[in-house]
Amino acid sequence: MPPASRSSAREPISFAAELCTIEDTVIVRLPQAASEQLPSRGQVAVQASLAGHRFDTVVEPDGRRGHWIRVDEALQRAAGVSPGDIAEASLHVVPDWPEPEVPDDLASALADAPAKIQDVWQDITPMARWEWVRWVQATANPQTRQRRVEVSLSKMDGGKRRPCCFDLASCTDPDLARSGKLREPS
């Protein structure tokens, strides 16, 4: 992801945290004091540093008034860290959100949608696109997910620019959450 074009005037949020695993996913849970410094209980766009490696990401809510960051294999290699390590991290809140990775089912539906819906998708902010992606992905049930793709297009066709039917502070990753709360590491 390219670096954000500008940083906010906020001071960096620095902390040390252990890389832990939930199922097959490696994450860093922010300490409560670090999470409390963020401007939102929901997602927050940041320029981050993990063990000295800089990257752009969106910090995710854990459903317990805290936050976490996914640490994929490429980031683990780049930062030289692995599960069980305690790593130094810092976050700089940024005003410019990175584009989300749009899942194939939603991307395909958007590509096949009428121009009016495509125009809404292009006109909304990256933050709003993150919210649509989160809402679509917040279920493990394939039928529910397909219905959410359809409802997303219908809502955009009706002029809606954001989904309005989920708690932005909940953990919406169905592989990592239970009842909107990030599960405990294994």
Protein backbone atom coordinates (compact mmCIF):
# COMPACT_ATOMS: atom_id res chain seq x y z
CA MET A 1 0.00 0.00 0.00
CA PRO A 2 1.43 3.42 -0.81
CA PRO A 3 2.12 5.69 2.16
CA ALA A 4 -0.58 8.14 3.15
CA SER A 5 -0.03 11.59 1.70
CA ARG A 6 -0.05 13.41 5.01
CA SER A 7 -0.05 12.69 8.70
CA SER A 8 -2.28 14.19 11.32
CA ALA A 9 -0.90 16.60 13.89
CA ARG A 10 -1.45 14.01 16.65
CA GLU A 11 1.54 12.66 18.51
CA PRO A 12 2.50 9.11 17.63
CA ILE A 13 1.07 6.37 19.81
CA SER A 14 3.91 4.06 20.86
CA PHE A 15 3.69 0.74 22.67
CA ALA A 16 5.14 -2.75 22.95
CA ALA A 17 2.86 -5.75 22.42
CA GLU A 18 3.05 -9.47 21.88
CA LEU A 19 2.19 -10.98 18.51
CA CYS A 20 -0.46 -13.61 19.18
CA THR A 21 -2.51 -16.04 17.14
CA ILE A 22 -6.24 -16.58 16.80
CA GLU A 23 -6.86 -19.63 14.61
CA ASP A 24 -4.28 -19.14 11.83
CA THR A 25 -4.24 -15.34 12.01
CA VAL A 26 -1.42 -13.42 13.68
CA ILE A 27 -2.42 -10.16 15.34
CA VAL A 28 -1.17 -7.48 17.70
CA ARG A 29 -3.70 -6.33 20.30
CA LEU A 30 -3.12 -2.73 21.29
CA PRO A 31 -2.68 -2.17 25.01
CA GLN A 32 -5.66 -0.37 26.51
CA ALA A 33 -3.69 2.86 27.02
CA ALA A 34 -2.68 2.91 23.33
CA SER A 35 -6.20 2.13 22.13
CA GLU A 36 -7.66 4.90 24.29
CA GLN A 37 -5.48 7.44 22.44
CA LEU A 38 -7.13 6.64 19.11
CA PRO A 39 -9.87 9.05 17.96
CA SER A 40 -12.52 6.35 17.46
CA ARG A 41 -13.71 3.06 18.98
CA GLY A 42 -14.16 1.89 15.37
CA GLN A 43 -11.63 1.55 12.58
CA VAL A 44 -8.81 4.09 12.40
CA ALA A 45 -6.46 4.66 9.44
CA VAL A 46 -2.82 4.80 10.53
CA GLN A 47 0.75 4.86 9.36
CA ALA A 48 2.27 2.18 11.54
CA SER A 49 5.67 0.88 12.47
CA LEU A 50 6.19 -2.65 13.78
CA ALA A 51 9.72 -3.58 14.90
CA GLY A 52 10.99 -0.68 12.80
CA HIS A 53 9.11 -1.64 9.60
CA ARG A 54 6.72 1.07 8.36
CA PHE A 55 3.39 0.26 6.71
CA ASP A 56 -0.08 1.73 6.24
CA THR A 57 -3.10 -0.05 7.65
CA VAL A 58 -6.45 0.33 9.29
CA VAL A 59 -6.56 -0.56 12.99
CA GLU A 60 -9.58 -2.75 13.68
CA PRO A 61 -11.93 -2.56 16.68
CA ASP A 62 -12.07 -5.56 19.01
CA GLY A 63 -15.65 -5.09 20.26
CA ARG A 64 -14.36 -4.40 23.79
CA ARG A 65 -13.44 -0.71 23.35
CA GLY A 66 -9.97 -1.76 22.15
CA HIS A 67 -8.18 -2.35 18.84
CA TRP A 68 -5.98 -4.83 17.01
CA ILE A 69 -3.81 -5.07 13.88
CA ARG A 70 -3.52 -8.06 11.54
CA VAL A 71 0.11 -9.08 10.94
CA ASP A 72 0.19 -11.16 7.75
CA GLU A 73 3.14 -13.31 6.70
CA ALA A 74 4.68 -10.62 4.48
CA LEU A 75 4.60 -8.10 7.35
CA GLN A 76 6.05 -10.67 9.77
CA ARG A 77 8.96 -11.30 7.36
CA ALA A 78 9.54 -7.58 6.69
CA ALA A 79 9.51 -6.73 10.41
CA GLY A 80 11.42 -9.86 11.42
CA VAL A 81 8.82 -10.92 13.97
CA SER A 82 6.72 -14.01 14.65
CA PRO A 83 3.99 -15.11 17.07
CA GLY A 84 5.15 -14.92 20.67
CA ASP A 85 7.56 -12.04 20.01
CA ILE A 86 7.07 -8.74 21.78
CA ALA A 87 7.50 -5.96 19.26
CA GLU A 88 7.78 -2.20 19.52
CA ALA A 89 5.06 -0.44 17.56
CA SER A 90 3.96 3.08 16.82
CA LEU A 91 0.87 4.47 15.15
CA HIS A 92 0.31 7.82 13.48
CA VAL A 93 -3.37 8.55 12.84
CA VAL A 94 -3.80 9.75 9.24
CA PRO A 95 -6.67 11.61 7.63
CA ASP A 96 -6.32 9.80 4.29
CA TRP A 97 -7.71 6.27 4.31
CA PRO A 98 -6.08 3.61 2.14
CA GLU A 99 -8.32 1.80 -0.33
CA PRO A 100 -9.73 -1.45 1.06
CA GLU A 101 -9.17 -4.78 -0.62
CA VAL A 102 -12.59 -5.40 -2.13
CA PRO A 103 -13.54 -9.09 -1.94
CA ASP A 104 -14.14 -10.83 -5.24
CA ASP A 105 -17.90 -11.28 -4.76
CA LEU A 106 -18.49 -7.60 -4.04
CA ALA A 107 -16.04 -6.46 -6.74
CA SER A 108 -17.78 -8.65 -9.33
CA ALA A 109 -21.23 -7.39 -8.32
CA LEU A 110 -20.03 -3.79 -8.51
CA ALA A 111 -18.46 -4.37 -11.94
CA ASP A 112 -21.78 -5.79 -13.21
CA ALA A 113 -23.90 -3.11 -11.52
CA PRO A 114 -25.59 -0.25 -13.37
CA ALA A 115 -23.55 2.93 -13.81
CA LYS A 116 -25.56 4.71 -11.08
CA ILE A 117 -24.30 2.23 -8.44
CA GLN A 118 -20.75 2.28 -9.80
CA ASP A 119 -20.83 6.09 -9.62
CA VAL A 120 -21.89 5.97 -5.95
CA TRP A 121 -19.05 3.51 -5.18
CA GLN A 122 -16.51 5.76 -6.89
CA ASP A 123 -17.88 8.91 -5.25
CA ILE A 124 -17.87 7.66 -1.64
CA THR A 125 -14.79 8.00 0.52
CA PRO A 126 -12.33 5.15 1.07
CA MET A 127 -13.54 5.09 4.70
CA ALA A 128 -17.10 4.44 3.49
CA ARG A 129 -15.84 1.71 1.13
CA TRP A 130 -14.09 0.07 4.15
CA GLU A 131 -17.44 0.07 5.97
CA TRP A 132 -19.24 -1.65 3.05
CA VAL A 133 -16.45 -4.25 2.81
CA ARG A 134 -16.55 -4.88 6.58
CA TRP A 135 -20.31 -5.32 6.56
CA VAL A 136 -20.24 -7.79 3.64
CA GLN A 137 -17.43 -9.79 5.22
CA ALA A 138 -18.91 -9.84 8.73
CA THR A 139 -20.56 -13.22 8.25
CA ALA A 140 -19.27 -16.73 7.71
CA ASN A 141 -22.59 -17.87 6.17
CA PRO A 142 -22.31 -17.84 2.33
CA GLN A 143 -26.04 -17.15 1.84
CA THR A 144 -25.98 -14.24 4.27
CA ARG A 145 -22.86 -12.87 2.61
CA GLN A 146 -24.47 -13.07 -0.86
CA ARG A 147 -27.54 -11.32 0.52
CA ARG A 148 -25.33 -8.57 1.96
CA VAL A 149 -23.72 -8.03 -1.46
CA GLU A 150 -27.19 -7.71 -2.99
CA VAL A 151 -28.41 -5.40 -0.22
CA SER A 152 -25.27 -3.25 -0.58
CA LEU A 153 -26.00 -2.68 -4.25
CA SER A 154 -29.67 -2.01 -3.53
CA LYS A 155 -28.82 0.52 -0.83
CA MET A 156 -26.30 2.28 -3.10
CA ASP A 157 -28.91 2.29 -5.87
CA GLY A 158 -31.18 4.09 -3.40
CA GLY A 159 -28.46 6.65 -2.67
CA LYS A 160 -27.09 5.21 0.58
CA ARG A 161 -23.41 5.95 0.96
CA ARG A 162 -22.74 3.79 4.04
CA PRO A 163 -24.18 0.64 5.55
CA CYS A 164 -26.17 1.52 8.63
CA CYS A 165 -26.89 -1.80 10.19
CA PHE A 166 -23.87 -2.81 12.25
CA ASP A 167 -21.92 -1.58 15.25
CA LEU A 168 -18.77 0.13 13.92
CA ALA A 169 -16.94 -0.68 17.17
CA SER A 170 -17.56 -4.43 16.92
CA CYS A 171 -15.07 -6.95 15.59
CA THR A 172 -16.52 -7.97 12.23
CA ASP A 173 -14.03 -10.66 11.15
CA PRO A 174 -16.08 -13.89 11.37
CA ASP A 175 -12.90 -16.00 11.66
CA LEU A 176 -11.67 -14.03 14.69
CA ALA A 177 -14.82 -12.84 16.43
CA ARG A 178 -17.66 -14.27 18.43
CA SER A 179 -20.74 -12.09 19.01
CA GLY A 180 -18.89 -9.02 17.73
CA LYS A 181 -15.95 -9.45 20.10
CA LEU A 182 -12.40 -10.48 19.18
CA ARG A 183 -11.78 -13.98 20.53
CA GLU A 184 -8.94 -14.62 22.92
CA PRO A 185 -5.62 -15.77 21.41
CA SER A 186 -4.92 -19.49 21.29
